[in-house]
Amino acid sequence: MSDNELSLEKILAGSDADNNQNNAYQAGFAAVIGRPNVGKSTIMNEMLGQKLSITSHKPQTTRHRIHGIYTTAEHQIIYVDTPGMHLGGEKSINDYMNRTANSAFADVDVILFVVEAGKWTKEDDAVAKKLACIDVPVVVLMNKIDNYKNKEDLFPFLQKVGERVKMDTLIPISAYKKSGLDLIKKEVLKYLPHQDKIFPEEYVTDRSQRFLAAEIIREKLMRTLGEEVPYGSTVEIEQFKYDEEEERWLINALILVERKGQKQIVIGKKGELIKQMGIQARKDLITLLDGRVHLELWVKIKENWSDNARALASLGYDDNYSS
């Protein structure tokens, strides 16, 4: 059997990587990669035990690299959530997202390659080819197995994945049903070095509250509009401060679109859609900031921002981010 072929024993038992059972602290990075809309952000949120990365059914919801930090008395795992690696799309924002996704291959201790059970695409092939050229342990997470009542139906797909991906092990999971997630942490710890914490123990991410606020609003935009959400839309925070006298956060945010027609889509009839977004976003912002929040949303046209490198950088789409 070749190195890439899959056996039932390998699936059930995991890899043979050495898990040094001493008392030294472990800390390191686990990159979560894959094509768009396979559940990467949902998986990371579940591993952290809290919502950090935004989610929606819209492909390419995640546009930035986000570190989610899970710290215990024995280890610190830094999960690296990335945009989905995709083919096509010639705008600057597509280039940015693919560069960001590719950056996850560097300086990590293990890669979690998320695939969808029973569905293999050209984008999955592109990711697999990149993995074949790097020397980093790869754990394949086969997500959405809850779509299959008879798990034996998945064995042909398992074989296909085993033939196409250079991997150390494969874990069938369902992020939706929260099944198999405990096995992910056990597998990740096999590859983390024995070293001190990388981030202070109170950190849950290296991103700022301002950044997370913008992401929360963008999530509500995508969830409220569904398939009608303009691809060329983003969120810019104009004001983000705490008012000591009023004892509440004051947040003003711009929803940026590229064309006049898109502006009306976001606002909705008699302003109902943007009002709904604001109500939903405010609830999550109260949880994030642990305090009262006054939120104002506005829609502004910024033509061609998604295909303008300077505009992208000014909006935080920067390879060397500092949030």
C-alpha atoms as a PDB file:
ATOM      1  CA  MET A   1       0.000   0.000   0.000  1.00  0.00           C
ATOM      2  CA  SER A   2       1.397   3.406  -0.965  1.00  0.00           C
ATOM      3  CA  ASP A   3       1.957   6.233   1.553  1.00  0.00           C
ATOM      4  CA  ASN A   4      -1.132   8.013   0.287  1.00  0.00           C
ATOM      5  CA  GLU A   5      -3.476   5.036   0.442  1.00  0.00           C
ATOM      6  CA  LEU A   6      -5.956   4.924   3.270  1.00  0.00           C
ATOM      7  CA  SER A   7      -6.663   2.026   5.610  1.00  0.00           C
ATOM      8  CA  LEU A   8      -9.445   1.625   8.127  1.00  0.00           C
ATOM      9  CA  GLU A   9      -6.823   1.234  10.853  1.00  0.00           C
ATOM     10  CA  LYS A  10      -5.270   4.559   9.914  1.00  0.00           C
ATOM     11  CA  ILE A  11      -8.634   6.301  10.065  1.00  0.00           C
ATOM     12  CA  LEU A  12      -9.564   4.865  13.443  1.00  0.00           C
ATOM     13  CA  ALA A  13      -6.181   4.889  15.133  1.00  0.00           C
ATOM     14  CA  GLY A  14      -4.762   8.130  13.788  1.00  0.00           C
ATOM     15  CA  SER A  15      -1.172   8.645  12.733  1.00  0.00           C
ATOM     16  CA  ASP A  16       1.909   7.070  14.248  1.00  0.00           C
ATOM     17  CA  ALA A  17       3.474  10.424  15.097  1.00  0.00           C
ATOM     18  CA  ASP A  18       5.408  10.345  18.358  1.00  0.00           C
ATOM     19  CA  ASN A  19       3.425  11.900  21.205  1.00  0.00           C
ATOM     20  CA  ASN A  20       6.016  12.607  23.822  1.00  0.00           C
ATOM     21  CA  GLN A  21       4.211  11.977  27.109  1.00  0.00           C
ATOM     22  CA  ASN A  22       6.174  14.234  29.395  1.00  0.00           C
ATOM     23  CA  ASN A  23       5.030  17.173  31.464  1.00  0.00           C
ATOM     24  CA  ALA A  24       6.605  19.900  29.297  1.00  0.00           C
ATOM     25  CA  TYR A  25       4.261  22.615  28.046  1.00  0.00           C
ATOM     26  CA  GLN A  26       3.235  22.454  24.375  1.00  0.00           C
ATOM     27  CA  ALA A  27       2.494  25.412  22.141  1.00  0.00           C
ATOM     28  CA  GLY A  28       2.220  25.828  18.396  1.00  0.00           C
ATOM     29  CA  PHE A  29       0.199  26.635  15.285  1.00  0.00           C
ATOM     30  CA  ALA A  30      -2.431  24.587  13.447  1.00  0.00           C
ATOM     31  CA  ALA A  31      -3.523  26.040  10.107  1.00  0.00           C
ATOM     32  CA  VAL A  32      -7.096  25.342   8.982  1.00  0.00           C
ATOM     33  CA  ILE A  33      -7.173  25.338   5.178  1.00  0.00           C
ATOM     34  CA  GLY A  34      -9.387  24.227   2.315  1.00  0.00           C
ATOM     35  CA  ARG A  35     -11.625  25.508  -0.428  1.00  0.00           C
ATOM     36  CA  PRO A  36     -14.423  27.985   0.314  1.00  0.00           C
ATOM     37  CA  ASN A  37     -17.523  26.963   2.244  1.00  0.00           C
ATOM     38  CA  VAL A  38     -16.360  23.625   3.687  1.00  0.00           C
ATOM     39  CA  GLY A  39     -16.769  24.697   7.323  1.00  0.00           C
ATOM     40  CA  LYS A  40     -13.287  25.918   8.297  1.00  0.00           C
ATOM     41  CA  SER A  41     -14.487  28.833  10.427  1.00  0.00           C
ATOM     42  CA  THR A  42     -17.186  26.752  12.113  1.00  0.00           C
ATOM     43  CA  ILE A  43     -14.611  24.112  13.022  1.00  0.00           C
ATOM     44  CA  MET A  44     -12.247  26.698  14.500  1.00  0.00           C
ATOM     45  CA  ASN A  45     -15.043  28.308  16.517  1.00  0.00           C
ATOM     46  CA  GLU A  46     -15.990  24.909  17.926  1.00  0.00           C
ATOM     47  CA  MET A  47     -12.378  24.112  18.815  1.00  0.00           C
ATOM     48  CA  LEU A  48     -12.117  27.421  20.678  1.00  0.00           C
ATOM     49  CA  GLY A  49     -15.428  26.963  22.451  1.00  0.00           C
ATOM     50  CA  GLN A  50     -16.567  30.417  21.356  1.00  0.00           C
ATOM     51  CA  LYS A  51     -17.373  32.353  18.215  1.00  0.00           C
ATOM     52  CA  LEU A  52     -14.408  34.169  16.742  1.00  0.00           C
ATOM     53  CA  SER A  53     -14.537  33.760  12.959  1.00  0.00           C
ATOM     54  CA  ILE A  54     -17.715  34.845  11.193  1.00  0.00           C
ATOM     55  CA  THR A  55     -19.765  32.272   9.320  1.00  0.00           C
ATOM     56  CA  SER A  56     -22.460  32.187   6.652  1.00  0.00           C
ATOM     57  CA  HIS A  57     -23.566  29.973   3.781  1.00  0.00           C
ATOM     58  CA  LYS A  58     -22.008  32.438   1.349  1.00  0.00           C
ATOM     59  CA  PRO A  59     -18.709  31.199  -0.149  1.00  0.00           C
ATOM     60  CA  GLN A  60     -15.595  33.229   0.713  1.00  0.00           C
ATOM     61  CA  THR A  61     -17.125  34.646   3.890  1.00  0.00           C
ATOM     62  CA  THR A  62     -13.687  34.578   5.521  1.00  0.00           C
ATOM     63  CA  ARG A  63     -11.404  37.150   3.891  1.00  0.00           C
ATOM     64  CA  HIS A  64      -8.631  37.521   6.476  1.00  0.00           C
ATOM     65  CA  ARG A  65      -6.217  35.332   8.392  1.00  0.00           C
ATOM     66  CA  ILE A  66      -7.356  35.076  11.994  1.00  0.00           C
ATOM     67  CA  HIS A  67      -5.552  33.453  14.912  1.00  0.00           C
ATOM     68  CA  GLY A  68      -7.789  31.737  17.465  1.00  0.00           C
ATOM     69  CA  ILE A  69      -5.871  30.977  20.660  1.00  0.00           C
ATOM     70  CA  TYR A  70      -6.880  28.078  22.915  1.00  0.00           C
ATOM     71  CA  THR A  71      -4.912  27.962  26.167  1.00  0.00           C
ATOM     72  CA  THR A  72      -4.967  25.415  28.983  1.00  0.00           C
ATOM     73  CA  ALA A  73      -2.588  24.578  31.839  1.00  0.00           C
ATOM     74  CA  GLU A  74      -0.891  21.985  29.586  1.00  0.00           C
ATOM     75  CA  HIS A  75      -0.883  23.503  26.106  1.00  0.00           C
ATOM     76  CA  GLN A  76      -1.640  26.453  23.832  1.00  0.00           C
ATOM     77  CA  ILE A  77      -2.999  25.736  20.366  1.00  0.00           C
ATOM     78  CA  ILE A  78      -3.140  28.641  17.910  1.00  0.00           C
ATOM     79  CA  TYR A  79      -5.631  27.806  15.177  1.00  0.00           C
ATOM     80  CA  VAL A  80      -5.073  29.810  11.990  1.00  0.00           C
ATOM     81  CA  ASP A  81      -8.333  30.385  10.109  1.00  0.00           C
ATOM     82  CA  THR A  82      -7.845  31.407   6.485  1.00  0.00           C
ATOM     83  CA  PRO A  83      -9.910  32.371   3.425  1.00  0.00           C
ATOM     84  CA  GLY A  84     -10.905  29.487   1.194  1.00  0.00           C
ATOM     85  CA  MET A  85      -8.385  28.773  -1.540  1.00  0.00           C
ATOM     86  CA  HIS A  86     -10.281  29.267  -4.769  1.00  0.00           C
ATOM     87  CA  LEU A  87      -9.788  29.261  -8.532  1.00  0.00           C
ATOM     88  CA  GLY A  88     -10.977  32.072 -10.784  1.00  0.00           C
ATOM     89  CA  GLY A  89     -11.778  35.599  -9.713  1.00  0.00           C
ATOM     90  CA  GLU A  90      -9.435  38.165 -11.173  1.00  0.00           C
ATOM     91  CA  LYS A  91      -9.992  41.081  -8.808  1.00  0.00           C
ATOM     92  CA  SER A  92      -7.356  42.293  -6.370  1.00  0.00           C
ATOM     93  CA  ILE A  93      -9.400  41.001  -3.447  1.00  0.00           C
ATOM     94  CA  ASN A  94      -9.270  37.474  -4.901  1.00  0.00           C
ATOM     95  CA  ASP A  95      -5.484  37.721  -5.141  1.00  0.00           C
ATOM     96  CA  TYR A  96      -5.351  38.968  -1.567  1.00  0.00           C
ATOM     97  CA  MET A  97      -7.463  36.095  -0.232  1.00  0.00           C
ATOM     98  CA  ASN A  98      -5.408  33.461  -2.058  1.00  0.00           C
ATOM     99  CA  ARG A  99      -2.151  35.012  -0.819  1.00  0.00           C
ATOM    100  CA  THR A 100      -3.552  35.021   2.690  1.00  0.00           C
ATOM    101  CA  ALA A 101      -4.592  31.371   2.394  1.00  0.00           C
ATOM    102  CA  ASN A 102      -1.189  30.392   1.004  1.00  0.00           C
ATOM    103  CA  SER A 103       0.571  32.162   3.867  1.00  0.00           C
ATOM    104  CA  ALA A 104      -0.914  29.582   6.242  1.00  0.00           C
ATOM    105  CA  PHE A 105       1.528  26.972   4.911  1.00  0.00           C
ATOM    106  CA  ALA A 106       4.499  28.810   6.388  1.00  0.00           C
ATOM    107  CA  ASP A 107       5.655  28.516   9.986  1.00  0.00           C
ATOM    108  CA  VAL A 108       2.929  26.166  11.233  1.00  0.00           C
ATOM    109  CA  ASP A 109       3.351  22.859  13.026  1.00  0.00           C
ATOM    110  CA  VAL A 110       0.418  21.005  11.479  1.00  0.00           C
ATOM    111  CA  ILE A 111      -2.102  21.625   8.703  1.00  0.00           C
ATOM    112  CA  LEU A 112      -5.786  20.733   9.035  1.00  0.00           C
ATOM    113  CA  PHE A 113      -7.072  20.282   5.481  1.00  0.00           C
ATOM    114  CA  VAL A 114     -10.874  20.440   5.513  1.00  0.00           C
ATOM    115  CA  VAL A 115     -12.766  18.631   2.746  1.00  0.00           C
ATOM    116  CA  GLU A 116     -16.472  17.991   2.304  1.00  0.00           C
ATOM    117  CA  ALA A 117     -17.617  14.380   2.579  1.00  0.00           C
ATOM    118  CA  GLY A 118     -18.475  12.987  -0.854  1.00  0.00           C
ATOM    119  CA  LYS A 119     -17.517  16.125  -2.769  1.00  0.00           C
ATOM    120  CA  TRP A 120     -14.109  16.658  -4.357  1.00  0.00           C
ATOM    121  CA  THR A 121     -13.519  19.683  -6.611  1.00  0.00           C
ATOM    122  CA  LYS A 122     -10.774  21.218  -8.707  1.00  0.00           C
ATOM    123  CA  GLU A 123     -10.129  23.610  -5.825  1.00  0.00           C
ATOM    124  CA  ASP A 124      -9.532  20.642  -3.513  1.00  0.00           C
ATOM    125  CA  ASP A 125      -7.085  19.306  -6.094  1.00  0.00           C
ATOM    126  CA  ALA A 126      -5.252  22.636  -6.131  1.00  0.00           C
ATOM    127  CA  VAL A 127      -4.870  22.551  -2.341  1.00  0.00           C
ATOM    128  CA  ALA A 128      -3.688  18.920  -2.443  1.00  0.00           C
ATOM    129  CA  LYS A 129      -1.001  19.781  -5.002  1.00  0.00           C
ATOM    130  CA  LYS A 130       0.335  22.548  -2.758  1.00  0.00           C
ATOM    131  CA  LEU A 131       0.435  20.172   0.206  1.00  0.00           C
ATOM    132  CA  ALA A 132       2.483  17.692  -1.808  1.00  0.00           C
ATOM    133  CA  CYS A 133       5.284  20.271  -2.043  1.00  0.00           C
ATOM    134  CA  ILE A 134       5.658  21.109   1.643  1.00  0.00           C
ATOM    135  CA  ASP A 135       7.117  19.292   4.609  1.00  0.00           C
ATOM    136  CA  VAL A 136       4.427  19.862   7.248  1.00  0.00           C
ATOM    137  CA  PRO A 137       2.213  17.172   8.829  1.00  0.00           C
ATOM    138  CA  VAL A 138      -1.259  17.107   7.247  1.00  0.00           C
ATOM    139  CA  VAL A 139      -4.457  15.973   8.952  1.00  0.00           C
ATOM    140  CA  VAL A 140      -7.473  15.735   6.653  1.00  0.00           C
ATOM    141  CA  LEU A 141     -10.776  16.665   8.302  1.00  0.00           C
ATOM    142  CA  MET A 142     -13.621  15.154   6.303  1.00  0.00           C
ATOM    143  CA  ASN A 143     -16.517  17.405   7.308  1.00  0.00           C
ATOM    144  CA  LYS A 144     -20.289  17.035   6.885  1.00  0.00           C
ATOM    145  CA  ILE A 145     -20.372  13.264   7.379  1.00  0.00           C
ATOM    146  CA  ASP A 146     -23.814  13.809   8.948  1.00  0.00           C
ATOM    147  CA  ASN A 147     -25.122  14.041   5.373  1.00  0.00           C
ATOM    148  CA  TYR A 148     -24.564  10.269   5.062  1.00  0.00           C
ATOM    149  CA  LYS A 149     -26.775   7.877   7.001  1.00  0.00           C
ATOM    150  CA  ASN A 150     -24.806   4.881   5.762  1.00  0.00           C
ATOM    151  CA  LYS A 151     -21.151   5.661   6.436  1.00  0.00           C
ATOM    152  CA  GLU A 152     -20.047   2.754   4.216  1.00  0.00           C
ATOM    153  CA  ASP A 153     -21.148   4.851   1.244  1.00  0.00           C
ATOM    154  CA  LEU A 154     -18.156   7.091   1.967  1.00  0.00           C
ATOM    155  CA  PHE A 155     -15.457   4.454   1.477  1.00  0.00           C
ATOM    156  CA  PRO A 156     -14.989   5.141  -2.279  1.00  0.00           C
ATOM    157  CA  PHE A 157     -14.539   8.824  -1.424  1.00  0.00           C
ATOM    158  CA  LEU A 158     -12.106   7.952   1.375  1.00  0.00           C
ATOM    159  CA  GLN A 159     -10.029   6.019  -1.106  1.00  0.00           C
ATOM    160  CA  LYS A 160     -10.038   8.931  -3.548  1.00  0.00           C
ATOM    161  CA  VAL A 161      -8.841  11.339  -0.859  1.00  0.00           C
ATOM    162  CA  GLY A 162      -6.154   8.882   0.226  1.00  0.00           C
ATOM    163  CA  GLU A 163      -4.851   8.688  -3.340  1.00  0.00           C
ATOM    164  CA  ARG A 164      -4.795  12.443  -3.914  1.00  0.00           C
ATOM    165  CA  VAL A 165      -3.609  13.903  -0.610  1.00  0.00           C
ATOM    166  CA  LYS A 166      -0.268  13.463   1.109  1.00  0.00           C
ATOM    167  CA  MET A 167      -1.564  13.091   4.642  1.00  0.00           C
ATOM    168  CA  ASP A 168      -0.640  11.728   8.040  1.00  0.00           C
ATOM    169  CA  THR A 169      -4.171  10.808   9.036  1.00  0.00           C
ATOM    170  CA  LEU A 170      -7.833  11.471   8.304  1.00  0.00           C
ATOM    171  CA  ILE A 171     -10.584  12.278  10.807  1.00  0.00           C
ATOM    172  CA  PRO A 172     -14.270  12.093   9.766  1.00  0.00           C
ATOM    173  CA  ILE A 173     -16.191  14.884  11.537  1.00  0.00           C
ATOM    174  CA  SER A 174     -19.399  16.859  11.561  1.00  0.00           C
ATOM    175  CA  ALA A 175     -18.899  20.441  12.689  1.00  0.00           C
ATOM    176  CA  TYR A 176     -22.678  20.902  12.615  1.00  0.00           C
ATOM    177  CA  LYS A 177     -23.303  17.909  14.895  1.00  0.00           C
ATOM    178  CA  LYS A 178     -20.079  18.537  16.875  1.00  0.00           C
ATOM    179  CA  SER A 179     -18.995  14.978  16.132  1.00  0.00           C
ATOM    180  CA  GLY A 180     -15.323  13.934  16.070  1.00  0.00           C
ATOM    181  CA  LEU A 181     -14.043  17.327  17.204  1.00  0.00           C
ATOM    182  CA  ASP A 182     -12.385  15.897  20.324  1.00  0.00           C
ATOM    183  CA  LEU A 183     -10.157  13.805  18.071  1.00  0.00           C
ATOM    184  CA  ILE A 184      -8.833  16.925  16.322  1.00  0.00           C
ATOM    185  CA  LYS A 185      -7.186  18.353  19.432  1.00  0.00           C
ATOM    186  CA  LYS A 186      -5.634  14.990  20.314  1.00  0.00           C
ATOM    187  CA  GLU A 187      -4.161  14.733  16.827  1.00  0.00           C
ATOM    188  CA  VAL A 188      -2.904  18.332  16.767  1.00  0.00           C
ATOM    189  CA  LEU A 189      -1.057  17.839  20.060  1.00  0.00           C
ATOM    190  CA  LYS A 190       1.017  15.071  18.488  1.00  0.00           C
ATOM    191  CA  TYR A 191       2.808  17.691  16.403  1.00  0.00           C
ATOM    192  CA  LEU A 192       3.113  20.716  18.684  1.00  0.00           C
ATOM    193  CA  PRO A 193       6.609  21.425  20.059  1.00  0.00           C
ATOM    194  CA  HIS A 194       7.349  21.467  23.777  1.00  0.00           C
ATOM    195  CA  GLN A 195       7.798  25.157  24.532  1.00  0.00           C
ATOM    196  CA  ASP A 196       6.325  28.000  26.562  1.00  0.00           C
ATOM    197  CA  LYS A 197       3.182  29.917  25.632  1.00  0.00           C
ATOM    198  CA  ILE A 198       3.428  32.018  22.484  1.00  0.00           C
ATOM    199  CA  PHE A 199       0.649  34.421  23.517  1.00  0.00           C
ATOM    200  CA  PRO A 200      -0.400  35.542  27.011  1.00  0.00           C
ATOM    201  CA  GLU A 201      -2.941  33.130  28.451  1.00  0.00           C
ATOM    202  CA  GLU A 202      -5.769  35.684  28.458  1.00  0.00           C
ATOM    203  CA  TYR A 203      -5.562  36.139  24.660  1.00  0.00           C
ATOM    204  CA  VAL A 204      -8.232  34.478  22.503  1.00  0.00           C
ATOM    205  CA  THR A 205      -7.028  36.131  19.287  1.00  0.00           C
ATOM    206  CA  ASP A 206      -4.347  38.491  18.055  1.00  0.00           C
ATOM    207  CA  ARG A 207      -6.965  40.631  16.315  1.00  0.00           C
ATOM    208  CA  SER A 208      -8.321  43.828  17.860  1.00  0.00           C
ATOM    209  CA  GLN A 209     -11.853  44.426  19.106  1.00  0.00           C
ATOM    210  CA  ARG A 210     -12.255  47.016  16.351  1.00  0.00           C
ATOM    211  CA  PHE A 211     -11.452  44.396  13.703  1.00  0.00           C
ATOM    212  CA  LEU A 212     -13.813  41.860  15.274  1.00  0.00           C
ATOM    213  CA  ALA A 213     -16.592  44.469  15.394  1.00  0.00           C
ATOM    214  CA  ALA A 214     -16.264  45.053  11.645  1.00  0.00           C
ATOM    215  CA  GLU A 215     -16.369  41.310  11.022  1.00  0.00           C
ATOM    216  CA  ILE A 216     -19.523  40.906  13.116  1.00  0.00           C
ATOM    217  CA  ILE A 217     -21.281  43.595  11.080  1.00  0.00           C
ATOM    218  CA  ARG A 218     -20.107  42.007   7.817  1.00  0.00           C
ATOM    219  CA  GLU A 219     -21.491  38.662   8.961  1.00  0.00           C
ATOM    220  CA  LYS A 220     -24.910  40.191   9.593  1.00  0.00           C
ATOM    221  CA  LEU A 221     -24.768  41.818   6.166  1.00  0.00           C
ATOM    222  CA  MET A 222     -24.135  38.430   4.532  1.00  0.00           C
ATOM    223  CA  ARG A 223     -26.700  36.559   6.585  1.00  0.00           C
ATOM    224  CA  THR A 224     -29.436  39.155   6.146  1.00  0.00           C
ATOM    225  CA  LEU A 225     -29.038  39.491   2.379  1.00  0.00           C
ATOM    226  CA  GLY A 226     -28.169  35.863   1.589  1.00  0.00           C
ATOM    227  CA  GLU A 227     -27.666  35.356  -2.130  1.00  0.00           C
ATOM    228  CA  GLU A 228     -28.403  39.040  -2.784  1.00  0.00           C
ATOM    229  CA  VAL A 229     -25.374  40.287  -0.853  1.00  0.00           C
ATOM    230  CA  PRO A 230     -23.102  42.268  -3.207  1.00  0.00           C
ATOM    231  CA  TYR A 231     -19.724  40.551  -3.579  1.00  0.00           C
ATOM    232  CA  GLY A 232     -18.096  43.986  -3.647  1.00  0.00           C
ATOM    233  CA  SER A 233     -19.156  44.913  -0.118  1.00  0.00           C
ATOM    234  CA  THR A 234     -17.195  45.344   3.072  1.00  0.00           C
ATOM    235  CA  VAL A 235     -17.346  47.161   6.402  1.00  0.00           C
ATOM    236  CA  GLU A 236     -15.218  50.060   7.610  1.00  0.00           C
ATOM    237  CA  ILE A 237     -15.316  51.230  11.229  1.00  0.00           C
ATOM    238  CA  GLU A 238     -15.255  55.033  11.398  1.00  0.00           C
ATOM    239  CA  GLN A 239     -15.668  55.424  15.166  1.00  0.00           C
ATOM    240  CA  PHE A 240     -14.905  52.910  17.887  1.00  0.00           C
ATOM    241  CA  LYS A 241     -14.631  54.305  21.392  1.00  0.00           C
ATOM    242  CA  TYR A 242     -15.929  53.934  24.923  1.00  0.00           C
ATOM    243  CA  ASP A 243     -17.848  56.892  26.347  1.00  0.00           C
ATOM    244  CA  GLU A 244     -17.013  57.067  30.059  1.00  0.00           C
ATOM    245  CA  GLU A 245     -19.889  59.450  30.857  1.00  0.00           C
ATOM    246  CA  GLU A 246     -22.571  57.415  29.121  1.00  0.00           C
ATOM    247  CA  GLU A 247     -20.866  54.104  30.019  1.00  0.00           C
ATOM    248  CA  ARG A 248     -21.340  52.605  26.577  1.00  0.00           C
ATOM    249  CA  TRP A 249     -19.453  51.892  23.384  1.00  0.00           C
ATOM    250  CA  LEU A 250     -20.020  54.248  20.463  1.00  0.00           C
ATOM    251  CA  ILE A 251     -19.545  52.547  17.094  1.00  0.00           C
ATOM    252  CA  ASN A 252     -20.110  54.098  13.682  1.00  0.00           C
ATOM    253  CA  ALA A 253     -19.637  51.781  10.710  1.00  0.00           C
ATOM    254  CA  LEU A 254     -19.791  52.189   6.960  1.00  0.00           C
ATOM    255  CA  ILE A 255     -21.029  49.380   4.754  1.00  0.00           C
ATOM    256  CA  LEU A 256     -19.158  49.971   1.509  1.00  0.00           C
ATOM    257  CA  VAL A 257     -20.555  48.876  -1.852  1.00  0.00           C
ATOM    258  CA  GLU A 258     -19.344  49.489  -5.391  1.00  0.00           C
ATOM    259  CA  ARG A 259     -22.473  50.597  -7.230  1.00  0.00           C
ATOM    260  CA  LYS A 260     -25.605  52.666  -6.614  1.00  0.00           C
ATOM    261  CA  GLY A 261     -27.929  49.704  -7.132  1.00  0.00           C
ATOM    262  CA  GLN A 262     -26.082  47.748  -4.446  1.00  0.00           C
ATOM    263  CA  LYS A 263     -26.654  50.528  -1.942  1.00  0.00           C
ATOM    264  CA  GLN A 264     -30.426  50.175  -2.205  1.00  0.00           C
ATOM    265  CA  ILE A 265     -30.168  46.375  -1.846  1.00  0.00           C
ATOM    266  CA  VAL A 266     -28.310  46.775   1.460  1.00  0.00           C
ATOM    267  CA  ILE A 267     -30.674  49.427   2.815  1.00  0.00           C
ATOM    268  CA  GLY A 268     -33.819  47.540   1.813  1.00  0.00           C
ATOM    269  CA  LYS A 269     -37.350  48.824   1.505  1.00  0.00           C
ATOM    270  CA  LYS A 270     -37.890  51.712   3.948  1.00  0.00           C
ATOM    271  CA  GLY A 271     -34.529  50.873   5.533  1.00  0.00           C
ATOM    272  CA  GLU A 272     -35.787  47.574   6.997  1.00  0.00           C
ATOM    273  CA  LEU A 273     -32.782  45.445   6.025  1.00  0.00           C
ATOM    274  CA  ILE A 274     -30.077  47.710   7.396  1.00  0.00           C
ATOM    275  CA  LYS A 275     -32.154  48.139  10.554  1.00  0.00           C
ATOM    276  CA  GLN A 276     -32.309  44.359  10.945  1.00  0.00           C
ATOM    277  CA  MET A 277     -28.536  44.088  10.443  1.00  0.00           C
ATOM    278  CA  GLY A 278     -27.970  46.707  13.108  1.00  0.00           C
ATOM    279  CA  ILE A 279     -30.184  44.942  15.657  1.00  0.00           C
ATOM    280  CA  GLN A 280     -28.449  41.589  15.098  1.00  0.00           C
ATOM    281  CA  ALA A 281     -24.948  43.077  15.083  1.00  0.00           C
ATOM    282  CA  ARG A 282     -25.581  45.046  18.271  1.00  0.00           C
ATOM    283  CA  LYS A 283     -26.493  41.852  20.157  1.00  0.00           C
ATOM    284  CA  ASP A 284     -23.175  40.225  19.232  1.00  0.00           C
ATOM    285  CA  LEU A 285     -21.237  43.420  19.910  1.00  0.00           C
ATOM    286  CA  ILE A 286     -22.673  43.595  23.433  1.00  0.00           C
ATOM    287  CA  THR A 287     -21.344  40.074  24.016  1.00  0.00           C
ATOM    288  CA  LEU A 288     -17.965  40.877  22.444  1.00  0.00           C
ATOM    289  CA  LEU A 289     -17.445  44.109  24.375  1.00  0.00           C
ATOM    290  CA  ASP A 290     -19.248  43.066  27.557  1.00  0.00           C
ATOM    291  CA  GLY A 291     -21.094  46.369  27.775  1.00  0.00           C
ATOM    292  CA  ARG A 292     -23.752  48.647  26.341  1.00  0.00           C
ATOM    293  CA  VAL A 293     -23.377  49.534  22.654  1.00  0.00           C
ATOM    294  CA  HIS A 294     -24.699  52.372  20.512  1.00  0.00           C
ATOM    295  CA  LEU A 295     -24.304  51.316  16.870  1.00  0.00           C
ATOM    296  CA  GLU A 296     -24.907  53.420  13.772  1.00  0.00           C
ATOM    297  CA  LEU A 297     -24.708  51.902  10.278  1.00  0.00           C
ATOM    298  CA  TRP A 298     -24.430  53.827   7.024  1.00  0.00           C
ATOM    299  CA  VAL A 299     -24.070  52.681   3.414  1.00  0.00           C
ATOM    300  CA  LYS A 300     -21.562  54.384   1.129  1.00  0.00           C
ATOM    301  CA  ILE A 301     -20.560  53.833  -2.484  1.00  0.00           C
ATOM    302  CA  LYS A 302     -16.811  53.313  -2.995  1.00  0.00           C
ATOM    303  CA  GLU A 303     -16.401  52.416  -6.656  1.00  0.00           C
ATOM    304  CA  ASN A 304     -14.103  49.549  -7.590  1.00  0.00           C
ATOM    305  CA  TRP A 305     -12.624  49.176  -4.082  1.00  0.00           C
ATOM    306  CA  SER A 306     -12.325  45.384  -4.435  1.00  0.00           C
ATOM    307  CA  ASP A 307     -10.019  45.722  -7.447  1.00  0.00           C
ATOM    308  CA  ASN A 308      -7.856  48.563  -6.152  1.00  0.00           C
ATOM    309  CA  ALA A 309      -4.757  47.579  -4.187  1.00  0.00           C
ATOM    310  CA  ARG A 310      -4.486  50.930  -2.409  1.00  0.00           C
ATOM    311  CA  ALA A 311      -8.154  50.881  -1.398  1.00  0.00           C
ATOM    312  CA  LEU A 312      -7.823  47.302  -0.160  1.00  0.00           C
ATOM    313  CA  ALA A 313      -4.843  48.207   2.016  1.00  0.00           C
ATOM    314  CA  SER A 314      -6.669  51.216   3.473  1.00  0.00           C
ATOM    315  CA  LEU A 315      -9.577  48.942   4.416  1.00  0.00           C
ATOM    316  CA  GLY A 316      -7.363  46.463   6.239  1.00  0.00           C
ATOM    317  CA  TYR A 317      -6.857  43.948   3.427  1.00  0.00           C
ATOM    318  CA  ASP A 318      -3.129  43.966   4.041  1.00  0.00           C
ATOM    319  CA  ASP A 319      -0.740  40.993   3.921  1.00  0.00           C
ATOM    320  CA  ASN A 320       1.105  42.405   6.929  1.00  0.00           C
ATOM    321  CA  TYR A 321      -1.889  43.335   9.012  1.00  0.00           C
ATOM    322  CA  SER A 322      -1.711  45.172  12.281  1.00  0.00           C
ATOM    323  CA  SER A 323      -5.095  45.283  13.961  1.00  0.00           C
END
